[in-house]
């Protein structure tokens, strides 16, 4: 009696949503009014019309796939149940392969099956058997049923042949056009403590494609759509495991980080931004030459000469990077292999120079604000140039000797090439992760710490009255924003642009990085011109006060 009560409780918990999956026809009006969809009369109570529905109905009736009318929703639900049951009348039908099993309630172990688009579903003895997709169905599903034997149907569907399972504005592509359906005793099973595992086998996915485990939810949107509720995606190199707590129609959706139109828009935005950045980088260098030639203090004062010299090297690296990108984008599609490798190495070198000079900006701030007293380095700027331009060259020479540079293409899930560049080739992506992602991560963490120290000391000086009202608040705020830009904050946005959900971040990162030269130009002009007697730099004023404090403490 206790076991019987326990089984009843488990059954209600496990199948609590059984009625929820079949309520699509409740919205139909009862009475004499006739409801139609796809020229088929749809009545509130099903009167055995489902077995008479043609399997290819969605292909010939777009209304079934698009309309949100109650009649069409009801007809779609009955068509889905028809496919799920996969009766004898549907055997051998194109686009549908089914496996019918009678499973004992006392099953001693989990049920293992395999599936493939070509062979359909079949039982196996171990998860390592074969290279097809795998299903591990927990025995909990059958132990919670009241009957001693449960009828189970596993279907493998080709959505191209059936013309179904495609939501509005769908960006991702269904892997191999294959959907797997699992049904036990015509019940909607959900809330499994031990989830069902589906392993989808695939080739190595492009780096810009993200696999996502989804199931078909008929009540989503106007006429159904893919949902991830209750499913967890565990991606691998050549297979992805989907762990779901319910039974329905499953598939693996290959979501591109970007689609073709977005990539083309981003490239257009980047090209425009790089053109603007090149122009303002040249203006910035011209402004620096103007200051050196027109004002004595920019030639005589060591702090100003070092600060501006450091900024000009960063601006020069940005200028070269933008020019290299524009050149790369213009000639990469028709460049010879040797020229493409050289162009990829040049682009990589300019990017590393950018990162290195960003790190040197942080190091310079460290020397000015932390090691204030007694810090003098002979030929300081020349040594910075040796590191800023020499270290990236060493890295690029080593990477080039390894054959790391060549053609690099960004492809969509249909293998269509949307971007062709001369860059680090696909066989040496580890070089990219180490020299670009890893290197910048260290630079950004270091510069973030330095920025925090500088901000703290700045606030300390203001609170102690060491800095009087000579520095306007807006000028100090601009100095902070400029520092944030100099220390590489805009590059950090690229780390947030992962997956299709972060497309706005990707747009923002592209715009800000390509316009970094413009920001630095405005920052330098506002801080250094026209009132030179007040603008020996907001930072220089703080530095002089800091040195006074340090000297008095010594």
Foldseek 3Di string as FASTA:
>chain_A
DVVVVVLVVLLCLFQVCQVVLQCLLVPDDDDDDWDDALNDTAHSDDDPCLVVDDLLSCVVGVCLAFAQDSRSLNNVSSSQLCLQVCDPVCPPPPFKDKDKDKAFLVDPFWWKWFADPVPGIDGDDDPVPDQTKMKTHGSSVSVSDDDGIKIKMKMKGQCVSNVHADHPPDQWDWVVSIKIAIDINSGWTFDAPQWMKIKHFAAFDPPQKDKAKWFWDQPPDRGTHTDCPQWDWADDRGIIMITGGIGGIITITIHGLDDLVLVVVLVVLLLVLLVLLLVLLVVLVVVLVCCVVPDPCCVPPPVNVLVSLLVNQLSVLSNQLSVLVNVFQVCQVPDDFVVLQVSQLSNQLSLLLNLLSLLVLLVVLCCLQPVPPPDDDPVVSVVSCCCSNVVSVVLSVVCVVVVQWGWDFDADPVRDTNGIGTHGHPVVCVSCCCSPVVSNVVLLVSSVVSLVSVVVLVVVCVVVVLDDPLDPPVLVVLVSVLNCLSNPVLVVLVVVSGGNVCSVSVSSSSNCSSNSSVSNSVNCCVQCDDPNVSRSPPVVSSSVSSSVVVVVVD
